[in-house]
Amino acid sequence: MAYTASDLSVLAYANNFTLWHYTTVDPTLTIEGAGYFDSAADMVRVGDLVIINIDTDGTPATKFYIVTGNTGSSVTVAVYS
């Protein structure tokens, strides 16, 4: 699959920080792959957190990610620790 804009929603926004929620049937490796969130480049900012419900039609998991880079066309995320 691929990123689906309608599955990304804002949970909270304050002081130029956004907490997002995203749900997908995609597995972890796909989400963490290059370019997955590129279509959201106009919405997410470096430092935003995204709670992701992963692989919802298989072995579901929930992980927290932080947006680590956004060039305006390319978005990178990493597992938040």
N, C-alpha and C. Protein backbone atom coordinates (compact mmCIF):
# COMPACT_ATOMS: atom_id res chain seq x y z
N MET A 1 0.85 -1.18 0.00
CA MET A 1 0.00 0.00 0.00
C MET A 1 0.89 1.23 0.00
N ALA A 2 0.28 2.35 0.24
CA ALA A 2 0.99 3.62 0.29
C ALA A 2 0.31 4.54 1.28
N TYR A 3 0.97 5.64 1.56
CA TYR A 3 0.40 6.65 2.45
C TYR A 3 -0.97 7.08 1.93
N THR A 4 -1.94 7.20 2.85
CA THR A 4 -3.29 7.65 2.53
C THR A 4 -3.59 8.88 3.38
N ALA A 5 -3.74 10.02 2.73
CA ALA A 5 -3.92 11.29 3.44
C ALA A 5 -5.11 11.28 4.39
N SER A 6 -6.19 10.61 4.02
CA SER A 6 -7.38 10.61 4.87
C SER A 6 -7.19 9.81 6.17
N ASP A 7 -6.09 9.06 6.28
CA ASP A 7 -5.82 8.30 7.50
C ASP A 7 -4.91 9.03 8.47
N LEU A 8 -4.52 10.27 8.12
CA LEU A 8 -3.70 11.10 9.00
C LEU A 8 -4.58 12.19 9.60
N SER A 9 -4.58 12.28 10.92
CA SER A 9 -5.42 13.30 11.56
C SER A 9 -4.69 13.94 12.73
N VAL A 10 -5.07 15.16 13.04
CA VAL A 10 -4.48 15.91 14.14
C VAL A 10 -5.16 15.51 15.45
N LEU A 11 -4.35 15.20 16.44
CA LEU A 11 -4.87 14.94 17.79
C LEU A 11 -4.75 16.18 18.65
N ALA A 12 -3.65 16.93 18.48
CA ALA A 12 -3.44 18.14 19.27
C ALA A 12 -2.46 19.05 18.55
N TYR A 13 -2.67 20.35 18.75
CA TYR A 13 -1.77 21.34 18.16
C TYR A 13 -1.57 22.46 19.17
N ALA A 14 -0.31 22.83 19.39
CA ALA A 14 0.00 23.96 20.28
C ALA A 14 1.44 24.39 20.05
N ASN A 15 1.66 25.70 20.03
CA ASN A 15 3.01 26.26 19.96
C ASN A 15 3.85 25.68 18.82
N ASN A 16 3.27 25.61 17.64
CA ASN A 16 3.96 25.10 16.45
C ASN A 16 4.37 23.63 16.55
N PHE A 17 3.66 22.87 17.36
CA PHE A 17 3.87 21.43 17.49
C PHE A 17 2.55 20.74 17.23
N THR A 18 2.60 19.64 16.47
CA THR A 18 1.39 18.87 16.20
C THR A 18 1.60 17.42 16.60
N LEU A 19 0.62 16.87 17.29
CA LEU A 19 0.56 15.45 17.59
C LEU A 19 -0.44 14.84 16.62
N TRP A 20 0.05 13.92 15.81
CA TRP A 20 -0.76 13.30 14.76
C TRP A 20 -1.12 11.86 15.12
N HIS A 21 -2.17 11.36 14.48
CA HIS A 21 -2.51 9.94 14.51
C HIS A 21 -2.63 9.46 13.08
N TYR A 22 -2.08 8.27 12.82
CA TYR A 22 -2.16 7.68 11.48
C TYR A 22 -2.45 6.20 11.65
N THR A 23 -3.31 5.68 10.80
CA THR A 23 -3.61 4.25 10.83
C THR A 23 -3.41 3.67 9.45
N THR A 24 -2.87 2.45 9.40
CA THR A 24 -2.55 1.85 8.10
C THR A 24 -2.49 0.33 8.18
N VAL A 25 -2.72 -0.30 7.06
CA VAL A 25 -2.54 -1.74 6.95
C VAL A 25 -1.09 -2.07 6.60
N ASP A 26 -0.30 -1.05 6.30
CA ASP A 26 1.09 -1.26 5.92
C ASP A 26 1.93 -1.75 7.09
N PRO A 27 2.94 -2.58 6.82
CA PRO A 27 3.83 -3.05 7.87
C PRO A 27 4.88 -1.99 8.23
N THR A 28 5.54 -2.19 9.34
CA THR A 28 6.55 -1.26 9.85
C THR A 28 7.61 -0.92 8.81
N LEU A 29 8.15 -1.90 8.11
CA LEU A 29 9.23 -1.64 7.15
C LEU A 29 8.80 -0.70 6.04
N THR A 30 7.56 -0.77 5.64
CA THR A 30 7.06 0.14 4.61
C THR A 30 6.96 1.56 5.14
N ILE A 31 6.45 1.72 6.33
CA ILE A 31 6.30 3.04 6.94
C ILE A 31 7.65 3.70 7.15
N GLU A 32 8.62 2.92 7.58
CA GLU A 32 9.94 3.46 7.88
C GLU A 32 10.81 3.60 6.63
N GLY A 33 10.29 3.16 5.49
CA GLY A 33 11.04 3.27 4.24
C GLY A 33 11.07 4.69 3.72
N ALA A 34 11.99 4.92 2.83
CA ALA A 34 12.17 6.26 2.25
C ALA A 34 10.91 6.70 1.51
N GLY A 35 10.51 7.92 1.75
CA GLY A 35 9.44 8.54 0.98
C GLY A 35 8.02 8.25 1.40
N TYR A 36 7.80 7.48 2.44
CA TYR A 36 6.43 7.08 2.79
C TYR A 36 5.54 8.29 3.07
N PHE A 37 6.02 9.27 3.81
CA PHE A 37 5.20 10.43 4.18
C PHE A 37 5.47 11.66 3.30
N ASP A 38 6.12 11.48 2.17
CA ASP A 38 6.44 12.63 1.31
C ASP A 38 5.20 13.42 0.90
N SER A 39 4.10 12.76 0.69
CA SER A 39 2.87 13.46 0.30
C SER A 39 2.31 14.35 1.40
N ALA A 40 2.80 14.17 2.62
CA ALA A 40 2.35 14.98 3.75
C ALA A 40 3.33 16.11 4.06
N ALA A 41 4.28 16.34 3.18
CA ALA A 41 5.33 17.34 3.43
C ALA A 41 4.77 18.73 3.71
N ASP A 42 3.63 19.04 3.13
CA ASP A 42 3.05 20.37 3.35
C ASP A 42 2.30 20.49 4.68
N MET A 43 2.21 19.39 5.43
CA MET A 43 1.47 19.41 6.70
C MET A 43 2.35 19.17 7.92
N VAL A 44 3.27 18.22 7.82
CA VAL A 44 4.07 17.86 9.00
C VAL A 44 5.33 18.71 9.08
N ARG A 45 5.79 18.90 10.32
CA ARG A 45 7.00 19.68 10.55
C ARG A 45 7.99 18.85 11.36
N VAL A 46 9.26 19.19 11.22
CA VAL A 46 10.29 18.53 12.02
C VAL A 46 9.95 18.73 13.49
N GLY A 47 10.00 17.64 14.24
CA GLY A 47 9.67 17.66 15.66
C GLY A 47 8.26 17.21 15.97
N ASP A 48 7.38 17.17 14.97
CA ASP A 48 6.03 16.64 15.19
C ASP A 48 6.11 15.16 15.56
N LEU A 49 5.15 14.71 16.36
CA LEU A 49 5.04 13.30 16.72
C LEU A 49 3.84 12.69 16.01
N VAL A 50 4.00 11.42 15.60
CA VAL A 50 2.93 10.69 14.92
C VAL A 50 2.74 9.36 15.63
N ILE A 51 1.54 9.15 16.17
CA ILE A 51 1.19 7.85 16.73
C ILE A 51 0.61 7.04 15.57
N ILE A 52 1.21 5.89 15.30
CA ILE A 52 0.77 5.11 14.15
C ILE A 52 0.29 3.73 14.57
N ASN A 53 -0.95 3.42 14.18
CA ASN A 53 -1.47 2.05 14.30
C ASN A 53 -1.05 1.33 13.02
N ILE A 54 -0.18 0.35 13.16
CA ILE A 54 0.48 -0.31 12.04
C ILE A 54 -0.13 -1.68 11.78
N ASP A 55 -0.12 -2.07 10.51
CA ASP A 55 -0.52 -3.43 10.10
C ASP A 55 -1.87 -3.82 10.70
N THR A 56 -2.85 -2.95 10.57
CA THR A 56 -4.15 -3.15 11.22
C THR A 56 -4.93 -4.34 10.69
N ASP A 57 -4.54 -4.88 9.54
CA ASP A 57 -5.23 -6.06 9.03
C ASP A 57 -4.40 -7.34 9.20
N GLY A 58 -3.30 -7.25 9.93
CA GLY A 58 -2.43 -8.40 10.13
C GLY A 58 -2.11 -8.58 11.60
N THR A 59 -0.89 -8.17 11.97
CA THR A 59 -0.46 -8.20 13.35
C THR A 59 -0.34 -6.77 13.83
N PRO A 60 -1.42 -6.21 14.36
CA PRO A 60 -1.45 -4.79 14.72
C PRO A 60 -0.41 -4.42 15.78
N ALA A 61 0.10 -3.22 15.66
CA ALA A 61 1.02 -2.65 16.63
C ALA A 61 0.82 -1.15 16.64
N THR A 62 1.26 -0.52 17.70
CA THR A 62 1.22 0.94 17.78
C THR A 62 2.61 1.42 18.13
N LYS A 63 3.09 2.40 17.34
CA LYS A 63 4.41 2.98 17.58
C LYS A 63 4.33 4.49 17.50
N PHE A 64 5.26 5.14 18.21
CA PHE A 64 5.39 6.58 18.16
C PHE A 64 6.57 6.92 17.25
N TYR A 65 6.36 7.89 16.35
CA TYR A 65 7.41 8.34 15.44
C TYR A 65 7.58 9.84 15.58
N ILE A 66 8.79 10.31 15.30
CA ILE A 66 9.07 11.73 15.27
C ILE A 66 9.49 12.09 13.84
N VAL A 67 9.01 13.24 13.38
CA VAL A 67 9.42 13.72 12.06
C VAL A 67 10.83 14.29 12.23
N THR A 68 11.80 13.69 11.58
CA THR A 68 13.20 14.09 11.73
C THR A 68 13.69 14.97 10.60
N GLY A 69 12.95 15.00 9.50
CA GLY A 69 13.36 15.84 8.39
C GLY A 69 12.20 16.15 7.47
N ASN A 70 12.23 17.36 6.88
CA ASN A 70 11.22 17.75 5.90
C ASN A 70 11.83 18.84 5.02
N THR A 71 12.08 18.48 3.76
CA THR A 71 12.69 19.43 2.83
C THR A 71 11.64 20.22 2.06
N GLY A 72 10.38 19.92 2.32
CA GLY A 72 9.30 20.52 1.56
C GLY A 72 8.74 19.55 0.53
N SER A 73 9.52 18.52 0.25
CA SER A 73 9.05 17.48 -0.68
C SER A 73 9.43 16.08 -0.20
N SER A 74 10.33 16.00 0.76
CA SER A 74 10.78 14.72 1.28
C SER A 74 10.69 14.73 2.80
N VAL A 75 9.99 13.75 3.35
CA VAL A 75 9.79 13.66 4.81
C VAL A 75 10.47 12.40 5.33
N THR A 76 11.18 12.53 6.44
CA THR A 76 11.75 11.36 7.09
C THR A 76 11.21 11.28 8.52
N VAL A 77 10.98 10.05 8.96
CA VAL A 77 10.52 9.80 10.32
C VAL A 77 11.40 8.75 10.95
N ALA A 78 11.42 8.73 12.28
CA ALA A 78 12.17 7.74 13.03
C ALA A 78 11.36 7.34 14.24
N VAL A 79 11.58 6.13 14.71
CA VAL A 79 10.89 5.67 15.91
C VAL A 79 11.30 6.60 17.06
N TYR A 80 10.32 7.08 17.80
CA TYR A 80 10.56 7.99 18.91
C TYR A 80 10.98 7.19 20.13
N SER A 81 12.07 7.60 20.72
CA SER A 81 12.53 6.89 21.93
C SER A 81 12.94 7.85 23.00
